[in-house]
Amino acid sequence: LGASPWQTFRLVTLPLIMPAVVAGALMSFTLSIDDFV
């Protein structure tokens, strides 16, 4: 449909993977805040 690679990522890819991105951010926060070693 004529979308550039950046437009495809911003308008299609990013919204679709956003739940996984948020889940990864929460997981990273959890791992970081209680890491000891």
PDB file of all heavy atoms in Angstrom:
ATOM      1  N   LEU A   1       0.817  -1.216   0.000  1.00  0.00           N
ATOM      2  CA  LEU A   1       0.000   0.000   0.000  1.00  0.00           C
ATOM      3  C   LEU A   1       0.851   1.267   0.000  1.00  0.00           C
ATOM      4  O   LEU A   1       0.311   2.369   0.083  1.00  0.00           O
ATOM      5  CB  LEU A   1      -0.923   0.005   1.212  1.00  0.00           C
ATOM      6  CG  LEU A   1      -2.043  -1.060   1.193  1.00  0.00           C
ATOM      7  CD1 LEU A   1      -2.800  -1.080   2.506  1.00  0.00           C
ATOM      8  CD2 LEU A   1      -2.997  -0.798   0.029  1.00  0.00           C
ATOM      9  N   GLY A   2       2.163   1.111  -0.094  1.00  0.00           N
ATOM     10  CA  GLY A   2       3.044   2.260  -0.236  1.00  0.00           C
ATOM     11  C   GLY A   2       3.684   2.754   1.038  1.00  0.00           C
ATOM     12  O   GLY A   2       4.329   3.818   1.031  1.00  0.00           O
ATOM     13  N   ALA A   3       3.572   2.013   2.112  1.00  0.00           N
ATOM     14  CA  ALA A   3       4.179   2.450   3.369  1.00  0.00           C
ATOM     15  C   ALA A   3       5.689   2.235   3.331  1.00  0.00           C
ATOM     16  O   ALA A   3       6.172   1.205   2.843  1.00  0.00           O
ATOM     17  CB  ALA A   3       3.574   1.684   4.541  1.00  0.00           C
ATOM     18  N   SER A   4       6.426   3.202   3.828  1.00  0.00           N
ATOM     19  CA  SER A   4       7.875   3.071   3.937  1.00  0.00           C
ATOM     20  C   SER A   4       8.209   2.126   5.085  1.00  0.00           C
ATOM     21  O   SER A   4       7.350   1.809   5.919  1.00  0.00           O
ATOM     22  CB  SER A   4       8.505   4.436   4.178  1.00  0.00           C
ATOM     23  OG  SER A   4       8.088   4.956   5.433  1.00  0.00           O
ATOM     24  N   PRO A   5       9.467   1.646   5.157  1.00  0.00           N
ATOM     25  CA  PRO A   5       9.831   0.780   6.293  1.00  0.00           C
ATOM     26  C   PRO A   5       9.552   1.416   7.646  1.00  0.00           C
ATOM     27  O   PRO A   5       9.087   0.736   8.571  1.00  0.00           O
ATOM     28  CB  PRO A   5      11.330   0.537   6.072  1.00  0.00           C
ATOM     29  CG  PRO A   5      11.502   0.653   4.599  1.00  0.00           C
ATOM     30  CD  PRO A   5      10.549   1.724   4.168  1.00  0.00           C
ATOM     31  N   TRP A   6       9.840   2.721   7.784  1.00  0.00           N
ATOM     32  CA  TRP A   6       9.577   3.391   9.045  1.00  0.00           C
ATOM     33  C   TRP A   6       8.081   3.490   9.334  1.00  0.00           C
ATOM     34  O   TRP A   6       7.626   3.291  10.467  1.00  0.00           O
ATOM     35  CB  TRP A   6      10.198   4.777   9.044  1.00  0.00           C
ATOM     36  CG  TRP A   6       9.764   5.640  10.190  1.00  0.00           C
ATOM     37  CD1 TRP A   6       9.041   6.783  10.134  1.00  0.00           C
ATOM     38  CD2 TRP A   6      10.019   5.411  11.587  1.00  0.00           C
ATOM     39  NE1 TRP A   6       8.813   7.290  11.389  1.00  0.00           N
ATOM     40  CE2 TRP A   6       9.406   6.463  12.307  1.00  0.00           C
ATOM     41  CE3 TRP A   6      10.697   4.425  12.298  1.00  0.00           C
ATOM     42  CZ2 TRP A   6       9.468   6.553  13.690  1.00  0.00           C
ATOM     43  CZ3 TRP A   6      10.742   4.505  13.680  1.00  0.00           C
ATOM     44  CH2 TRP A   6      10.140   5.557  14.358  1.00  0.00           C
ATOM     45  N   GLN A   7       7.291   3.799   8.298  1.00  0.00           N
ATOM     46  CA  GLN A   7       5.843   3.868   8.485  1.00  0.00           C
ATOM     47  C   GLN A   7       5.266   2.497   8.833  1.00  0.00           C
ATOM     48  O   GLN A   7       4.356   2.385   9.661  1.00  0.00           O
ATOM     49  CB  GLN A   7       5.182   4.415   7.217  1.00  0.00           C
ATOM     50  CG  GLN A   7       5.430   5.890   6.970  1.00  0.00           C
ATOM     51  CD  GLN A   7       4.850   6.365   5.647  1.00  0.00           C
ATOM     52  OE1 GLN A   7       4.832   5.622   4.661  1.00  0.00           O
ATOM     53  NE2 GLN A   7       4.375   7.605   5.617  1.00  0.00           N
ATOM     54  N   THR A   8       5.792   1.454   8.211  1.00  0.00           N
ATOM     55  CA  THR A   8       5.324   0.096   8.532  1.00  0.00           C
ATOM     56  C   THR A   8       5.610  -0.246   9.985  1.00  0.00           C
ATOM     57  O   THR A   8       4.767  -0.820  10.678  1.00  0.00           O
ATOM     58  CB  THR A   8       6.009  -0.926   7.605  1.00  0.00           C
ATOM     59  OG1 THR A   8       5.711  -0.599   6.247  1.00  0.00           O
ATOM     60  CG2 THR A   8       5.520  -2.334   7.908  1.00  0.00           C
ATOM     61  N   PHE A   9       6.803   0.122  10.433  1.00  0.00           N
ATOM     62  CA  PHE A   9       7.147  -0.162  11.821  1.00  0.00           C
ATOM     63  C   PHE A   9       6.297   0.670  12.782  1.00  0.00           C
ATOM     64  O   PHE A   9       5.758   0.137  13.769  1.00  0.00           O
ATOM     65  CB  PHE A   9       8.628   0.143  12.065  1.00  0.00           C
ATOM     66  CG  PHE A   9       9.016   0.076  13.507  1.00  0.00           C
ATOM     67  CD1 PHE A   9       9.197  -1.154  14.146  1.00  0.00           C
ATOM     68  CD2 PHE A   9       9.194   1.245  14.256  1.00  0.00           C
ATOM     69  CE1 PHE A   9       9.534  -1.224  15.497  1.00  0.00           C
ATOM     70  CE2 PHE A   9       9.544   1.184  15.597  1.00  0.00           C
ATOM     71  CZ  PHE A   9       9.710  -0.055  16.218  1.00  0.00           C
ATOM     72  N   ARG A  10       6.138   1.966  12.500  1.00  0.00           N
ATOM     73  CA  ARG A  10       5.447   2.862  13.425  1.00  0.00           C
ATOM     74  C   ARG A  10       3.943   2.618  13.464  1.00  0.00           C
ATOM     75  O   ARG A  10       3.334   2.662  14.538  1.00  0.00           O
ATOM     76  CB  ARG A  10       5.720   4.321  13.026  1.00  0.00           C
ATOM     77  CG  ARG A  10       5.096   5.361  13.945  1.00  0.00           C
ATOM     78  CD  ARG A  10       5.613   6.750  13.602  1.00  0.00           C
ATOM     79  NE  ARG A  10       5.310   7.093  12.219  1.00  0.00           N
ATOM     80  CZ  ARG A  10       4.164   7.690  11.845  1.00  0.00           C
ATOM     81  NH1 ARG A  10       3.238   7.979  12.730  1.00  0.00           N
ATOM     82  NH2 ARG A  10       3.962   7.999  10.579  1.00  0.00           N
ATOM     83  N   LEU A  11       3.345   2.322  12.306  1.00  0.00           N
ATOM     84  CA  LEU A  11       1.891   2.219  12.242  1.00  0.00           C
ATOM     85  C   LEU A  11       1.369   0.786  12.320  1.00  0.00           C
ATOM     86  O   LEU A  11       0.196   0.581  12.641  1.00  0.00           O
ATOM     87  CB  LEU A  11       1.384   2.858  10.938  1.00  0.00           C
ATOM     88  CG  LEU A  11       1.712   4.346  10.756  1.00  0.00           C
ATOM     89  CD1 LEU A  11       1.249   4.832   9.397  1.00  0.00           C
ATOM     90  CD2 LEU A  11       1.083   5.181  11.875  1.00  0.00           C
ATOM     91  N   VAL A  12       2.231  -0.202  12.011  1.00  0.00           N
ATOM     92  CA  VAL A  12       1.762  -1.593  11.982  1.00  0.00           C
ATOM     93  C   VAL A  12       2.507  -2.442  13.015  1.00  0.00           C
ATOM     94  O   VAL A  12       1.899  -3.035  13.920  1.00  0.00           O
ATOM     95  CB  VAL A  12       1.931  -2.200  10.575  1.00  0.00           C
ATOM     96  CG1 VAL A  12       1.440  -3.651  10.565  1.00  0.00           C
ATOM     97  CG2 VAL A  12       1.157  -1.385   9.547  1.00  0.00           C
ATOM     98  N   THR A  13       3.838  -2.516  12.873  1.00  0.00           N
ATOM     99  CA  THR A  13       4.612  -3.427  13.719  1.00  0.00           C
ATOM    100  C   THR A  13       4.563  -3.033  15.195  1.00  0.00           C
ATOM    101  O   THR A  13       4.266  -3.868  16.056  1.00  0.00           O
ATOM    102  CB  THR A  13       6.079  -3.470  13.243  1.00  0.00           C
ATOM    103  OG1 THR A  13       6.130  -3.780  11.860  1.00  0.00           O
ATOM    104  CG2 THR A  13       6.852  -4.521  14.029  1.00  0.00           C
ATOM    105  N   LEU A  14       4.851  -1.770  15.493  1.00  0.00           N
ATOM    106  CA  LEU A  14       4.928  -1.339  16.885  1.00  0.00           C
ATOM    107  C   LEU A  14       3.607  -1.511  17.637  1.00  0.00           C
ATOM    108  O   LEU A  14       3.604  -2.025  18.770  1.00  0.00           O
ATOM    109  CB  LEU A  14       5.415   0.108  16.960  1.00  0.00           C
ATOM    110  CG  LEU A  14       5.665   0.657  18.375  1.00  0.00           C
ATOM    111  CD1 LEU A  14       6.698  -0.192  19.105  1.00  0.00           C
ATOM    112  CD2 LEU A  14       6.123   2.111  18.307  1.00  0.00           C
ATOM    113  N   PRO A  15       2.459  -1.098  17.064  1.00  0.00           N
ATOM    114  CA  PRO A  15       1.204  -1.343  17.795  1.00  0.00           C
ATOM    115  C   PRO A  15       0.935  -2.823  18.050  1.00  0.00           C
ATOM    116  O   PRO A  15       0.373  -3.174  19.095  1.00  0.00           O
ATOM    117  CB  PRO A  15       0.137  -0.734  16.868  1.00  0.00           C
ATOM    118  CG  PRO A  15       0.861   0.293  16.076  1.00  0.00           C
ATOM    119  CD  PRO A  15       2.222  -0.278  15.852  1.00  0.00           C
ATOM    120  N   LEU A  16       1.331  -3.686  17.113  1.00  0.00           N
ATOM    121  CA  LEU A  16       1.073  -5.115  17.284  1.00  0.00           C
ATOM    122  C   LEU A  16       1.974  -5.748  18.341  1.00  0.00           C
ATOM    123  O   LEU A  16       1.554  -6.666  19.048  1.00  0.00           O
ATOM    124  CB  LEU A  16       1.253  -5.838  15.938  1.00  0.00           C
ATOM    125  CG  LEU A  16       0.184  -5.563  14.870  1.00  0.00           C
ATOM    126  CD1 LEU A  16       0.564  -6.233  13.560  1.00  0.00           C
ATOM    127  CD2 LEU A  16      -1.185  -6.043  15.330  1.00  0.00           C
ATOM    128  N   ILE A  17       3.200  -5.271  18.446  1.00  0.00           N
ATOM    129  CA  ILE A  17       4.125  -5.864  19.425  1.00  0.00           C
ATOM    130  C   ILE A  17       4.142  -5.096  20.741  1.00  0.00           C
ATOM    131  O   ILE A  17       4.862  -5.475  21.662  1.00  0.00           O
ATOM    132  CB  ILE A  17       5.564  -5.926  18.866  1.00  0.00           C
ATOM    133  CG1 ILE A  17       6.137  -4.515  18.667  1.00  0.00           C
ATOM    134  CG2 ILE A  17       5.615  -6.720  17.575  1.00  0.00           C
ATOM    135  CD1 ILE A  17       7.608  -4.491  18.294  1.00  0.00           C
ATOM    136  N   MET A  18       3.340  -4.029  20.856  1.00  0.00           N
ATOM    137  CA  MET A  18       3.369  -3.199  22.058  1.00  0.00           C
ATOM    138  C   MET A  18       3.082  -3.985  23.338  1.00  0.00           C
ATOM    139  O   MET A  18       3.757  -3.760  24.361  1.00  0.00           O
ATOM    140  CB  MET A  18       2.385  -2.039  21.919  1.00  0.00           C
ATOM    141  CG  MET A  18       2.424  -1.060  23.086  1.00  0.00           C
ATOM    142  SD  MET A  18       4.091  -0.375  23.393  1.00  0.00           S
ATOM    143  CE  MET A  18       4.301   0.642  21.921  1.00  0.00           C
ATOM    144  N   PRO A  19       2.106  -4.920  23.353  1.00  0.00           N
ATOM    145  CA  PRO A  19       1.933  -5.699  24.597  1.00  0.00           C
ATOM    146  C   PRO A  19       3.193  -6.459  25.009  1.00  0.00           C
ATOM    147  O   PRO A  19       3.516  -6.532  26.191  1.00  0.00           O
ATOM    148  CB  PRO A  19       0.792  -6.669  24.238  1.00  0.00           C
ATOM    149  CG  PRO A  19       0.045  -5.979  23.152  1.00  0.00           C
ATOM    150  CD  PRO A  19       1.081  -5.251  22.364  1.00  0.00           C
ATOM    151  N   ALA A  20       3.917  -7.004  24.027  1.00  0.00           N
ATOM    152  CA  ALA A  20       5.158  -7.714  24.335  1.00  0.00           C
ATOM    153  C   ALA A  20       6.236  -6.747  24.804  1.00  0.00           C
ATOM    154  O   ALA A  20       7.031  -7.075  25.701  1.00  0.00           O
ATOM    155  CB  ALA A  20       5.640  -8.481  23.112  1.00  0.00           C
ATOM    156  N   VAL A  21       6.277  -5.557  24.236  1.00  0.00           N
ATOM    157  CA  VAL A  21       7.255  -4.556  24.650  1.00  0.00           C
ATOM    158  C   VAL A  21       6.999  -4.140  26.101  1.00  0.00           C
ATOM    159  O   VAL A  21       7.930  -4.051  26.915  1.00  0.00           O
ATOM    160  CB  VAL A  21       7.200  -3.327  23.715  1.00  0.00           C
ATOM    161  CG1 VAL A  21       8.091  -2.205  24.241  1.00  0.00           C
ATOM    162  CG2 VAL A  21       7.632  -3.713  22.307  1.00  0.00           C
ATOM    163  N   VAL A  22       5.729  -3.903  26.430  1.00  0.00           N
ATOM    164  CA  VAL A  22       5.382  -3.530  27.803  1.00  0.00           C
ATOM    165  C   VAL A  22       5.684  -4.675  28.766  1.00  0.00           C
ATOM    166  O   VAL A  22       6.207  -4.459  29.871  1.00  0.00           O
ATOM    167  CB  VAL A  22       3.901  -3.121  27.883  1.00  0.00           C
ATOM    168  CG1 VAL A  22       3.500  -2.832  29.324  1.00  0.00           C
ATOM    169  CG2 VAL A  22       3.631  -1.902  27.014  1.00  0.00           C
ATOM    170  N   ALA A  23       5.364  -5.899  28.347  1.00  0.00           N
ATOM    171  CA  ALA A  23       5.664  -7.063  29.189  1.00  0.00           C
ATOM    172  C   ALA A  23       7.164  -7.188  29.423  1.00  0.00           C
ATOM    173  O   ALA A  23       7.612  -7.494  30.538  1.00  0.00           O
ATOM    174  CB  ALA A  23       5.118  -8.329  28.544  1.00  0.00           C
ATOM    175  N   GLY A  24       7.964  -6.961  28.388  1.00  0.00           N
ATOM    176  CA  GLY A  24       9.417  -6.998  28.536  1.00  0.00           C
ATOM    177  C   GLY A  24       9.930  -5.913  29.458  1.00  0.00           C
ATOM    178  O   GLY A  24      10.854  -6.138  30.250  1.00  0.00           O
ATOM    179  N   ALA A  25       9.326  -4.719  29.383  1.00  0.00           N
ATOM    180  CA  ALA A  25       9.731  -3.623  30.267  1.00  0.00           C
ATOM    181  C   ALA A  25       9.429  -3.955  31.718  1.00  0.00           C
ATOM    182  O   ALA A  25      10.257  -3.713  32.611  1.00  0.00           O
ATOM    183  CB  ALA A  25       9.021  -2.335  29.853  1.00  0.00           C
ATOM    184  N   LEU A  26       8.252  -4.516  31.978  1.00  0.00           N
ATOM    185  CA  LEU A  26       7.890  -4.889  33.344  1.00  0.00           C
ATOM    186  C   LEU A  26       8.795  -5.999  33.872  1.00  0.00           C
ATOM    187  O   LEU A  26       9.198  -5.986  35.040  1.00  0.00           O
ATOM    188  CB  LEU A  26       6.429  -5.333  33.391  1.00  0.00           C
ATOM    189  CG  LEU A  26       5.388  -4.245  33.096  1.00  0.00           C
ATOM    190  CD1 LEU A  26       3.991  -4.853  33.031  1.00  0.00           C
ATOM    191  CD2 LEU A  26       5.440  -3.149  34.138  1.00  0.00           C
ATOM    192  N   MET A  27       9.111  -6.960  33.001  1.00  0.00           N
ATOM    193  CA  MET A  27      10.006  -8.035  33.405  1.00  0.00           C
ATOM    194  C   MET A  27      11.399  -7.494  33.724  1.00  0.00           C
ATOM    195  O   MET A  27      12.031  -7.891  34.715  1.00  0.00           O
ATOM    196  CB  MET A  27      10.085  -9.082  32.306  1.00  0.00           C
ATOM    197  CG  MET A  27      10.928 -10.292  32.657  1.00  0.00           C
ATOM    198  SD  MET A  27      10.232 -11.265  33.998  1.00  0.00           S
ATOM    199  CE  MET A  27       8.806 -11.972  33.172  1.00  0.00           C
ATOM    200  N   SER A  28      11.882  -6.572  32.905  1.00  0.00           N
ATOM    201  CA  SER A  28      13.196  -5.966  33.144  1.00  0.00           C
ATOM    202  C   SER A  28      13.219  -5.193  34.462  1.00  0.00           C
ATOM    203  O   SER A  28      14.185  -5.267  35.227  1.00  0.00           O
ATOM    204  CB  SER A  28      13.563  -5.031  31.993  1.00  0.00           C
ATOM    205  OG  SER A  28      13.640  -5.731  30.778  1.00  0.00           O
ATOM    206  N   PHE A  29      12.140  -4.450  34.722  1.00  0.00           N
ATOM    207  CA  PHE A  29      12.051  -3.700  35.977  1.00  0.00           C
ATOM    208  C   PHE A  29      12.105  -4.645  37.172  1.00  0.00           C
ATOM    209  O   PHE A  29      12.804  -4.389  38.157  1.00  0.00           O
ATOM    210  CB  PHE A  29      10.755  -2.890  35.989  1.00  0.00           C
ATOM    211  CG  PHE A  29      10.562  -2.068  37.233  1.00  0.00           C
ATOM    212  CD1 PHE A  29      11.075  -0.779  37.316  1.00  0.00           C
ATOM    213  CD2 PHE A  29       9.862  -2.573  38.317  1.00  0.00           C
ATOM    214  CE1 PHE A  29      10.907  -0.022  38.462  1.00  0.00           C
ATOM    215  CE2 PHE A  29       9.686  -1.826  39.465  1.00  0.00           C
ATOM    216  CZ  PHE A  29      10.203  -0.543  39.538  1.00  0.00           C
ATOM    217  N   THR A  30      11.368  -5.747  37.076  1.00  0.00           N
ATOM    218  CA  THR A  30      11.331  -6.717  38.174  1.00  0.00           C
ATOM    219  C   THR A  30      12.699  -7.352  38.403  1.00  0.00           C
ATOM    220  O   THR A  30      13.151  -7.495  39.546  1.00  0.00           O
ATOM    221  CB  THR A  30      10.297  -7.814  37.872  1.00  0.00           C
ATOM    222  OG1 THR A  30       9.021  -7.205  37.688  1.00  0.00           O
ATOM    223  CG2 THR A  30      10.218  -8.821  38.995  1.00  0.00           C
ATOM    224  N   LEU A  31      13.362  -7.743  37.321  1.00  0.00           N
ATOM    225  CA  LEU A  31      14.675  -8.369  37.445  1.00  0.00           C
ATOM    226  C   LEU A  31      15.719  -7.399  37.994  1.00  0.00           C
ATOM    227  O   LEU A  31      16.615  -7.789  38.745  1.00  0.00           O
ATOM    228  CB  LEU A  31      15.125  -8.903  36.083  1.00  0.00           C
ATOM    229  CG  LEU A  31      14.315 -10.058  35.499  1.00  0.00           C
ATOM    230  CD1 LEU A  31      14.709 -10.301  34.047  1.00  0.00           C
ATOM    231  CD2 LEU A  31      14.525 -11.322  36.319  1.00  0.00           C
ATOM    232  N   SER A  32      15.596  -6.138  37.629  1.00  0.00           N
ATOM    233  CA  SER A  32      16.595  -5.147  38.029  1.00  0.00           C
ATOM    234  C   SER A  32      16.451  -4.745  39.490  1.00  0.00           C
ATOM    235  O   SER A  32      17.447  -4.652  40.214  1.00  0.00           O
ATOM    236  CB  SER A  32      16.491  -3.907  37.143  1.00  0.00           C
ATOM    237  OG  SER A  32      17.355  -2.885  37.587  1.00  0.00           O
ATOM    238  N   ILE A  33      15.220  -4.537  39.948  1.00  0.00           N
ATOM    239  CA  ILE A  33      15.033  -3.941  41.271  1.00  0.00           C
ATOM    240  C   ILE A  33      15.419  -4.892  42.394  1.00  0.00           C
ATOM    241  O   ILE A  33      15.760  -4.452  43.501  1.00  0.00           O
ATOM    242  CB  ILE A  33      13.573  -3.452  41.441  1.00  0.00           C
ATOM    243  CG1 ILE A  33      13.495  -2.427  42.578  1.00  0.00           C
ATOM    244  CG2 ILE A  33      12.631  -4.627  41.689  1.00  0.00           C
ATOM    245  CD1 ILE A  33      12.196  -1.686  42.646  1.00  0.00           C
ATOM    246  N   ASP A  34      15.373  -6.217  42.144  1.00  0.00           N
ATOM    247  CA  ASP A  34      15.731  -7.141  43.224  1.00  0.00           C
ATOM    248  C   ASP A  34      16.989  -7.956  42.927  1.00  0.00           C
ATOM    249  O   ASP A  34      17.248  -8.966  43.588  1.00  0.00           O
ATOM    250  CB  ASP A  34      14.556  -8.078  43.546  1.00  0.00           C
ATOM    251  CG  ASP A  34      14.174  -8.957  42.364  1.00  0.00           C
ATOM    252  OD1 ASP A  34      14.825  -8.837  41.313  1.00  0.00           O
ATOM    253  OD2 ASP A  34      13.237  -9.761  42.504  1.00  0.00           O
ATOM    254  N   ASP A  35      17.772  -7.518  41.942  1.00  0.00           N
ATOM    255  CA  ASP A  35      19.009  -8.245  41.643  1.00  0.00           C
ATOM    256  C   ASP A  35      20.050  -7.973  42.730  1.00  0.00           C
ATOM    257  O   ASP A  35      20.243  -6.833  43.164  1.00  0.00           O
ATOM    258  CB  ASP A  35      19.564  -7.816  40.283  1.00  0.00           C
ATOM    259  CG  ASP A  35      20.872  -8.499  39.970  1.00  0.00           C
ATOM    260  OD1 ASP A  35      20.841  -9.662  39.543  1.00  0.00           O
ATOM    261  OD2 ASP A  35      21.925  -7.867  40.178  1.00  0.00           O
ATOM    262  N   PHE A  36      20.733  -9.029  43.137  1.00  0.00           N
ATOM    263  CA  PHE A  36      21.756  -8.895  44.181  1.00  0.00           C
ATOM    264  C   PHE A  36      23.164  -9.171  43.658  1.00  0.00           C
ATOM    265  O   PHE A  36      24.079  -8.375  43.882  1.00  0.00           O
ATOM    266  CB  PHE A  36      21.460  -9.840  45.349  1.00  0.00           C
ATOM    267  CG  PHE A  36      22.545  -9.858  46.388  1.00  0.00           C
ATOM    268  CD1 PHE A  36      22.614  -8.859  47.342  1.00  0.00           C
ATOM    269  CD2 PHE A  36      23.512 -10.853  46.398  1.00  0.00           C
ATOM    270  CE1 PHE A  36      23.618  -8.851  48.298  1.00  0.00           C
ATOM    271  CE2 PHE A  36      24.520 -10.866  47.353  1.00  0.00           C
ATOM    272  CZ  PHE A  36      24.576  -9.856  48.306  1.00  0.00           C
ATOM    273  N   VAL A  37      23.348 -10.300  42.955  1.00  0.00           N
ATOM    274  CA  VAL A  37      24.689 -10.759  42.610  1.00  0.00           C
ATOM    275  C   VAL A  37      25.407  -9.758  41.720  1.00  0.00           C
ATOM    276  O   VAL A  37      26.520  -9.293  42.031  1.00  0.00           O
ATOM    277  CB  VAL A  37      24.626 -12.141  41.929  1.00  0.00           C
ATOM    278  CG1 VAL A  37      26.026 -12.581  41.498  1.00  0.00           C
ATOM    279  CG2 VAL A  37      24.016 -13.171  42.872  1.00  0.00           C
TER     280      VAL A  37
END
